[in-house]
């Protein structure tokens, strides 16, 4: 059984993952000419990082809202 404490811990982990993915995207975007990948490969990589970030953020928000609902006594 998953507890609310475990869900809160997941929210924290997802927040850290989100921050890391955002930093990765900024690092690559700011240094597109300083990597051994072809430009088209770099763009594909950035697209995948953005998609992963969007998914992680969606998951984090769902869990954060559920946690807030629980703390407010909404079940």
PDB file of N, CA and C in Angstrom:
ATOM      1  N   UNK A   1       0.840  -1.185   0.000  1.00  0.00           N
ATOM      2  CA  UNK A   1       0.000   0.000   0.000  1.00  0.00           C
ATOM      3  C   UNK A   1       0.883   1.247   0.000  1.00  0.00           C
ATOM      4  N   UNK A   2       0.499   2.191  -0.799  1.00  0.00           N
ATOM      5  CA  UNK A   2       1.237   3.452  -0.876  1.00  0.00           C
ATOM      6  C   UNK A   2       0.650   4.429   0.129  1.00  0.00           C
ATOM      7  N   UNK A   3       1.521   5.059   0.899  1.00  0.00           N
ATOM      8  CA  UNK A   3       1.090   6.029   1.904  1.00  0.00           C
ATOM      9  C   UNK A   3       1.206   7.451   1.356  1.00  0.00           C
ATOM     10  N   UNK A   4       0.577   8.387   2.045  1.00  0.00           N
ATOM     11  CA  UNK A   4       0.698   9.794   1.648  1.00  0.00           C
ATOM     12  C   UNK A   4       2.129  10.295   1.805  1.00  0.00           C
ATOM     13  N   UNK A   5       2.845   9.757   2.779  1.00  0.00           N
ATOM     14  CA  UNK A   5       4.247  10.141   2.954  1.00  0.00           C
ATOM     15  C   UNK A   5       5.072   9.699   1.745  1.00  0.00           C
ATOM     16  N   UNK A   6       4.770   8.516   1.226  1.00  0.00           N
ATOM     17  CA  UNK A   6       5.479   8.037   0.042  1.00  0.00           C
ATOM     18  C   UNK A   6       5.138   8.881  -1.185  1.00  0.00           C
ATOM     19  N   UNK A   7       3.893   9.300  -1.269  1.00  0.00           N
ATOM     20  CA  UNK A   7       3.494  10.163  -2.387  1.00  0.00           C
ATOM     21  C   UNK A   7       4.199  11.510  -2.287  1.00  0.00           C
ATOM     22  N   UNK A   8       4.281  12.059  -1.077  1.00  0.00           N
ATOM     23  CA  UNK A   8       4.997  13.329  -0.890  1.00  0.00           C
ATOM     24  C   UNK A   8       6.471  13.176  -1.253  1.00  0.00           C
ATOM     25  N   UNK A   9       7.064  12.043  -0.929  1.00  0.00           N
ATOM     26  CA  UNK A   9       8.457  11.788  -1.293  1.00  0.00           C
ATOM     27  C   UNK A   9       8.602  11.708  -2.816  1.00  0.00           C
ATOM     28  N   UNK A  10       7.621  11.127  -3.474  1.00  0.00           N
ATOM     29  CA  UNK A  10       7.642  11.056  -4.936  1.00  0.00           C
ATOM     30  C   UNK A  10       7.565  12.456  -5.540  1.00  0.00           C
ATOM     31  N   UNK A  11       6.732  13.307  -4.956  1.00  0.00           N
ATOM     32  CA  UNK A  11       6.635  14.682  -5.444  1.00  0.00           C
ATOM     33  C   UNK A  11       7.999  15.368  -5.356  1.00  0.00           C
ATOM     34  N   UNK A  12       8.697  15.175  -4.255  1.00  0.00           N
ATOM     35  CA  UNK A  12      10.029  15.774  -4.095  1.00  0.00           C
ATOM     36  C   UNK A  12      11.011  15.225  -5.120  1.00  0.00           C
ATOM     37  N   UNK A  13      10.967  13.907  -5.358  1.00  0.00           N
ATOM     38  CA  UNK A  13      11.866  13.305  -6.351  1.00  0.00           C
ATOM     39  C   UNK A  13      11.544  13.799  -7.757  1.00  0.00           C
ATOM     40  N   UNK A  14      10.257  13.899  -8.065  1.00  0.00           N
ATOM     41  CA  UNK A  14       9.868  14.406  -9.377  1.00  0.00           C
ATOM     42  C   UNK A  14      10.282  15.862  -9.546  1.00  0.00           C
ATOM     43  N   UNK A  15      10.219  16.632  -8.474  1.00  0.00           N
ATOM     44  CA  UNK A  15      10.665  18.028  -8.535  1.00  0.00           C
ATOM     45  C   UNK A  15      12.156  18.105  -8.858  1.00  0.00           C
ATOM     46  N   UNK A  16      12.950  17.259  -8.213  1.00  0.00           N
ATOM     47  CA  UNK A  16      14.393  17.233  -8.492  1.00  0.00           C
ATOM     48  C   UNK A  16      14.661  16.790  -9.923  1.00  0.00           C
ATOM     49  N   UNK A  17      13.928  15.771 -10.374  1.00  0.00           N
ATOM     50  CA  UNK A  17      14.092  15.298 -11.744  1.00  0.00           C
ATOM     51  C   UNK A  17      13.719  16.387 -12.736  1.00  0.00           C
ATOM     52  N   UNK A  18      12.637  17.096 -12.467  1.00  0.00           N
ATOM     53  CA  UNK A  18      12.199  18.192 -13.317  1.00  0.00           C
ATOM     54  C   UNK A  18      13.268  19.275 -13.410  1.00  0.00           C
ATOM     55  N   UNK A  19      13.834  19.620 -12.269  1.00  0.00           N
ATOM     56  CA  UNK A  19      14.897  20.629 -12.250  1.00  0.00           C
ATOM     57  C   UNK A  19      16.097  20.169 -13.074  1.00  0.00           C
ATOM     58  N   UNK A  20      16.474  18.906 -12.924  1.00  0.00           N
ATOM     59  CA  UNK A  20      17.601  18.366 -13.678  1.00  0.00           C
ATOM     60  C   UNK A  20      17.347  18.364 -15.175  1.00  0.00           C
ATOM     61  N   UNK A  21      16.154  17.970 -15.578  1.00  0.00           N
ATOM     62  CA  UNK A  21      15.826  17.972 -17.005  1.00  0.00           C
ATOM     63  C   UNK A  21      15.805  19.393 -17.559  1.00  0.00           C
ATOM     64  N   UNK A  22      15.281  20.329 -16.785  1.00  0.00           N
ATOM     65  CA  UNK A  22      15.266  21.726 -17.229  1.00  0.00           C
ATOM     66  C   UNK A  22      16.692  22.252 -17.404  1.00  0.00           C
ATOM     67  N   UNK A  23      17.555  21.934 -16.467  1.00  0.00           N
ATOM     68  CA  UNK A  23      18.961  22.354 -16.580  1.00  0.00           C
ATOM     69  C   UNK A  23      19.623  21.725 -17.798  1.00  0.00           C
ATOM     70  N   UNK A  24      19.334  20.459 -18.042  1.00  0.00           N
ATOM     71  CA  UNK A  24      19.897  19.774 -19.199  1.00  0.00           C
ATOM     72  C   UNK A  24      19.476  20.461 -20.485  1.00  0.00           C
ATOM     73  N   UNK A  25      18.198  20.797 -20.572  1.00  0.00           N
ATOM     74  CA  UNK A  25      17.712  21.486 -21.760  1.00  0.00           C
ATOM     75  C   UNK A  25      18.377  22.828 -21.967  1.00  0.00           C
ATOM     76  N   UNK A  26      18.525  23.592 -20.900  1.00  0.00           N
ATOM     77  CA  UNK A  26      19.172  24.910 -20.995  1.00  0.00           C
ATOM     78  C   UNK A  26      20.638  24.745 -21.377  1.00  0.00           C
ATOM     79  N   UNK A  27      21.325  23.788 -20.775  1.00  0.00           N
ATOM     80  CA  UNK A  27      22.744  23.567 -21.083  1.00  0.00           C
ATOM     81  C   UNK A  27      22.929  23.270 -22.572  1.00  0.00           C
ATOM     82  N   UNK A  28      22.141  22.360 -23.104  1.00  0.00           N
ATOM     83  CA  UNK A  28      22.293  22.004 -24.512  1.00  0.00           C
ATOM     84  C   UNK A  28      21.858  23.143 -25.414  1.00  0.00           C
ATOM     85  N   UNK A  29      20.791  23.830 -25.056  1.00  0.00           N
ATOM     86  CA  UNK A  29      20.307  24.933 -25.892  1.00  0.00           C
ATOM     87  C   UNK A  29      21.342  26.041 -25.969  1.00  0.00           C
ATOM     88  N   UNK A  30      22.011  26.317 -24.858  1.00  0.00           N
ATOM     89  CA  UNK A  30      23.011  27.384 -24.820  1.00  0.00           C
ATOM     90  C   UNK A  30      24.324  26.986 -25.478  1.00  0.00           C
ATOM     91  N   UNK A  31      24.522  25.688 -25.720  1.00  0.00           N
ATOM     92  CA  UNK A  31      25.803  25.209 -26.254  1.00  0.00           C
ATOM     93  C   UNK A  31      25.613  24.325 -27.490  1.00  0.00           C
ATOM     94  N   UNK A  32      24.707  24.689 -28.357  1.00  0.00           N
ATOM     95  CA  UNK A  32      24.403  23.844 -29.515  1.00  0.00           C
ATOM     96  C   UNK A  32      25.608  23.634 -30.428  1.00  0.00           C
ATOM     97  N   UNK A  33      26.554  24.530 -30.410  1.00  0.00           N
ATOM     98  CA  UNK A  33      27.696  24.407 -31.322  1.00  0.00           C
ATOM     99  C   UNK A  33      28.920  23.784 -30.650  1.00  0.00           C
ATOM    100  N   UNK A  34      28.809  23.432 -29.382  1.00  0.00           N
ATOM    101  CA  UNK A  34      29.952  22.890 -28.654  1.00  0.00           C
ATOM    102  C   UNK A  34      29.799  21.409 -28.339  1.00  0.00           C
ATOM    103  N   UNK A  35      29.043  20.663 -29.163  1.00  0.00           N
ATOM    104  CA  UNK A  35      28.827  19.241 -28.924  1.00  0.00           C
ATOM    105  C   UNK A  35      29.189  18.444 -30.171  1.00  0.00           C
ATOM    106  N   UNK A  36      29.576  17.196 -29.982  1.00  0.00           N
ATOM    107  CA  UNK A  36      29.947  16.367 -31.131  1.00  0.00           C
ATOM    108  C   UNK A  36      28.748  15.845 -31.934  1.00  0.00           C
ATOM    109  N   UNK A  37      27.530  16.043 -31.441  1.00  0.00           N
ATOM    110  CA  UNK A  37      26.357  15.582 -32.173  1.00  0.00           C
ATOM    111  C   UNK A  37      26.083  16.492 -33.365  1.00  0.00           C
ATOM    112  N   UNK A  38      25.477  15.920 -34.392  1.00  0.00           N
ATOM    113  CA  UNK A  38      25.012  16.736 -35.496  1.00  0.00           C
ATOM    114  C   UNK A  38      23.903  17.646 -34.999  1.00  0.00           C
ATOM    115  N   UNK A  39      23.714  18.756 -35.685  1.00  0.00           N
ATOM    116  CA  UNK A  39      22.698  19.723 -35.277  1.00  0.00           C
ATOM    117  C   UNK A  39      21.326  19.070 -35.185  1.00  0.00           C
ATOM    118  N   UNK A  40      20.972  18.264 -36.166  1.00  0.00           N
ATOM    119  CA  UNK A  40      19.669  17.601 -36.172  1.00  0.00           C
ATOM    120  C   UNK A  40      19.553  16.629 -34.992  1.00  0.00           C
ATOM    121  N   UNK A  41      20.644  15.999 -34.606  1.00  0.00           N
ATOM    122  CA  UNK A  41      20.642  15.110 -33.434  1.00  0.00           C
ATOM    123  C   UNK A  41      20.443  15.913 -32.153  1.00  0.00           C
ATOM    124  N   UNK A  42      21.072  17.066 -32.091  1.00  0.00           N
ATOM    125  CA  UNK A  42      20.913  17.930 -30.917  1.00  0.00           C
ATOM    126  C   UNK A  42      19.467  18.399 -30.781  1.00  0.00           C
ATOM    127  N   UNK A  43      18.855  18.757 -31.896  1.00  0.00           N
ATOM    128  CA  UNK A  43      17.459  19.203 -31.852  1.00  0.00           C
ATOM    129  C   UNK A  43      16.544  18.061 -31.420  1.00  0.00           C
ATOM    130  N   UNK A  44      16.804  16.853 -31.910  1.00  0.00           N
ATOM    131  CA  UNK A  44      15.999  15.690 -31.510  1.00  0.00           C
ATOM    132  C   UNK A  44      16.173  15.413 -30.021  1.00  0.00           C
ATOM    133  N   UNK A  45      17.400  15.550 -29.527  1.00  0.00           N
ATOM    134  CA  UNK A  45      17.684  15.352 -28.106  1.00  0.00           C
ATOM    135  C   UNK A  45      16.920  16.374 -27.270  1.00  0.00           C
ATOM    136  N   UNK A  46      16.985  17.639 -27.668  1.00  0.00           N
ATOM    137  CA  UNK A  46      16.275  18.693 -26.938  1.00  0.00           C
ATOM    138  C   UNK A  46      14.765  18.458 -26.956  1.00  0.00           C
ATOM    139  N   UNK A  47      14.243  18.008 -28.076  1.00  0.00           N
ATOM    140  CA  UNK A  47      12.812  17.707 -28.166  1.00  0.00           C
ATOM    141  C   UNK A  47      12.437  16.604 -27.181  1.00  0.00           C
ATOM    142  N   UNK A  48      13.275  15.567 -27.094  1.00  0.00           N
ATOM    143  CA  UNK A  48      13.012  14.466 -26.165  1.00  0.00           C
ATOM    144  C   UNK A  48      13.111  14.927 -24.715  1.00  0.00           C
ATOM    145  N   UNK A  49      14.084  15.778 -24.407  1.00  0.00           N
ATOM    146  CA  UNK A  49      14.233  16.319 -23.046  1.00  0.00           C
ATOM    147  C   UNK A  49      12.994  17.131 -22.684  1.00  0.00           C
ATOM    148  N   UNK A  50      12.516  17.950 -23.611  1.00  0.00           N
ATOM    149  CA  UNK A  50      11.312  18.759 -23.342  1.00  0.00           C
ATOM    150  C   UNK A  50      10.092  17.879 -23.118  1.00  0.00           C
ATOM    151  N   UNK A  51       9.972  16.811 -23.905  1.00  0.00           N
ATOM    152  CA  UNK A  51       8.838  15.897 -23.738  1.00  0.00           C
ATOM    153  C   UNK A  51       8.910  15.194 -22.386  1.00  0.00           C
ATOM    154  N   UNK A  52      10.112  14.775 -22.007  1.00  0.00           N
ATOM    155  CA  UNK A  52      10.288  14.127 -20.703  1.00  0.00           C
ATOM    156  C   UNK A  52       9.954  15.101 -19.580  1.00  0.00           C
ATOM    157  N   UNK A  53      10.414  16.331 -19.704  1.00  0.00           N
ATOM    158  CA  UNK A  53      10.130  17.358 -18.700  1.00  0.00           C
ATOM    159  C   UNK A  53       8.625  17.593 -18.578  1.00  0.00           C
ATOM    160  N   UNK A  54       7.932  17.648 -19.699  1.00  0.00           N
ATOM    161  CA  UNK A  54       6.484  17.847 -19.665  1.00  0.00           C
ATOM    162  C   UNK A  54       5.797  16.688 -18.948  1.00  0.00           C
ATOM    163  N   UNK A  55       6.228  15.474 -19.214  1.00  0.00           N
ATOM    164  CA  UNK A  55       5.639  14.317 -18.552  1.00  0.00           C
ATOM    165  C   UNK A  55       5.892  14.301 -17.064  1.00  0.00           C
ATOM    166  N   UNK A  56       7.119  14.606 -16.676  1.00  0.00           N
ATOM    167  CA  UNK A  56       7.474  14.639 -15.256  1.00  0.00           C
ATOM    168  C   UNK A  56       6.684  15.727 -14.540  1.00  0.00           C
ATOM    169  N   UNK A  57       6.563  16.888 -15.160  1.00  0.00           N
ATOM    170  CA  UNK A  57       5.811  17.984 -14.545  1.00  0.00           C
ATOM    171  C   UNK A  57       4.339  17.627 -14.393  1.00  0.00           C
ATOM    172  N   UNK A  58       3.769  16.982 -15.390  1.00  0.00           N
ATOM    173  CA  UNK A  58       2.373  16.564 -15.298  1.00  0.00           C
ATOM    174  C   UNK A  58       2.180  15.598 -14.137  1.00  0.00           C
ATOM    175  N   UNK A  59       3.065  14.618 -14.032  1.00  0.00           N
ATOM    176  CA  UNK A  59       2.974  13.640 -12.943  1.00  0.00           C
ATOM    177  C   UNK A  59       3.130  14.318 -11.588  1.00  0.00           C
ATOM    178  N   UNK A  60       4.077  15.243 -11.495  1.00  0.00           N
ATOM    179  CA  UNK A  60       4.322  15.946 -10.238  1.00  0.00           C
ATOM    180  C   UNK A  60       3.100  16.751  -9.814  1.00  0.00           C
ATOM    181  N   UNK A  61       2.489  17.456 -10.756  1.00  0.00           N
ATOM    182  CA  UNK A  61       1.327  18.281 -10.455  1.00  0.00           C
ATOM    183  C   UNK A  61       0.147  17.413 -10.002  1.00  0.00           C
ATOM    184  N   UNK A  62      -0.064  16.279 -10.669  1.00  0.00           N
ATOM    185  CA  UNK A  62      -1.154  15.387 -10.267  1.00  0.00           C
ATOM    186  C   UNK A  62      -0.967  14.944  -8.822  1.00  0.00           C
ATOM    187  N   UNK A  63       0.247  14.503  -8.484  1.00  0.00           N
ATOM    188  CA  UNK A  63       0.494  14.041  -7.117  1.00  0.00           C
ATOM    189  C   UNK A  63       0.426  15.186  -6.111  1.00  0.00           C
ATOM    190  N   UNK A  64       0.927  16.355  -6.491  1.00  0.00           N
ATOM    191  CA  UNK A  64       0.894  17.503  -5.581  1.00  0.00           C
ATOM    192  C   UNK A  64      -0.548  17.922  -5.295  1.00  0.00           C
ATOM    193  N   UNK A  65      -1.390  17.918  -6.308  1.00  0.00           N
ATOM    194  CA  UNK A  65      -2.798  18.272  -6.102  1.00  0.00           C
ATOM    195  C   UNK A  65      -3.496  17.246  -5.218  1.00  0.00           C
ATOM    196  N   UNK A  66      -3.198  15.968  -5.437  1.00  0.00           N
ATOM    197  CA  UNK A  66      -3.803  14.920  -4.604  1.00  0.00           C
ATOM    198  C   UNK A  66      -3.352  15.068  -3.157  1.00  0.00           C
ATOM    199  N   UNK A  67      -2.083  15.384  -2.964  1.00  0.00           N
ATOM    200  CA  UNK A  67      -1.553  15.587  -1.615  1.00  0.00           C
ATOM    201  C   UNK A  67      -2.242  16.768  -0.945  1.00  0.00           C
ATOM    202  N   UNK A  68      -2.403  17.851  -1.685  1.00  0.00           N
ATOM    203  CA  UNK A  68      -3.073  19.036  -1.139  1.00  0.00           C
ATOM    204  C   UNK A  68      -4.521  18.716  -0.772  1.00  0.00           C
ATOM    205  N   UNK A  69      -5.213  18.002  -1.656  1.00  0.00           N
ATOM    206  CA  UNK A  69      -6.592  17.592  -1.387  1.00  0.00           C
ATOM    207  C   UNK A  69      -6.665  16.763  -0.107  1.00  0.00           C
ATOM    208  N   UNK A  70      -5.731  15.855   0.065  1.00  0.00           N
ATOM    209  CA  UNK A  70      -5.698  15.010   1.261  1.00  0.00           C
ATOM    210  C   UNK A  70      -5.471  15.858   2.516  1.00  0.00           C
ATOM    211  N   UNK A  71      -4.563  16.825   2.431  1.00  0.00           N
ATOM    212  CA  UNK A  71      -4.280  17.670   3.601  1.00  0.00           C
ATOM    213  C   UNK A  71      -5.476  18.552   3.964  1.00  0.00           C
ATOM    214  N   UNK A  72      -6.265  18.895   2.966  1.00  0.00           N
ATOM    215  CA  UNK A  72      -7.446  19.727   3.221  1.00  0.00           C
ATOM    216  C   UNK A  72      -8.645  18.892   3.655  1.00  0.00           C
ATOM    217  N   UNK A  73      -8.434  17.581   3.728  1.00  0.00           N
ATOM    218  CA  UNK A  73      -9.490  16.703   4.196  1.00  0.00           C
ATOM    219  C   UNK A  73     -10.501  16.298   3.149  1.00  0.00           C
ATOM    220  N   UNK A  74     -10.095  16.370   1.879  1.00  0.00           N
ATOM    221  CA  UNK A  74     -11.011  16.045   0.813  1.00  0.00           C
ATOM    222  C   UNK A  74     -11.031  14.585   0.408  1.00  0.00           C
ATOM    223  N   UNK A  75     -10.469  13.716   1.230  1.00  0.00           N
ATOM    224  CA  UNK A  75     -10.548  12.293   0.935  1.00  0.00           C
ATOM    225  C   UNK A  75      -9.294  11.763   0.463  1.00  0.00           C
TER     226      UNK A  75
END
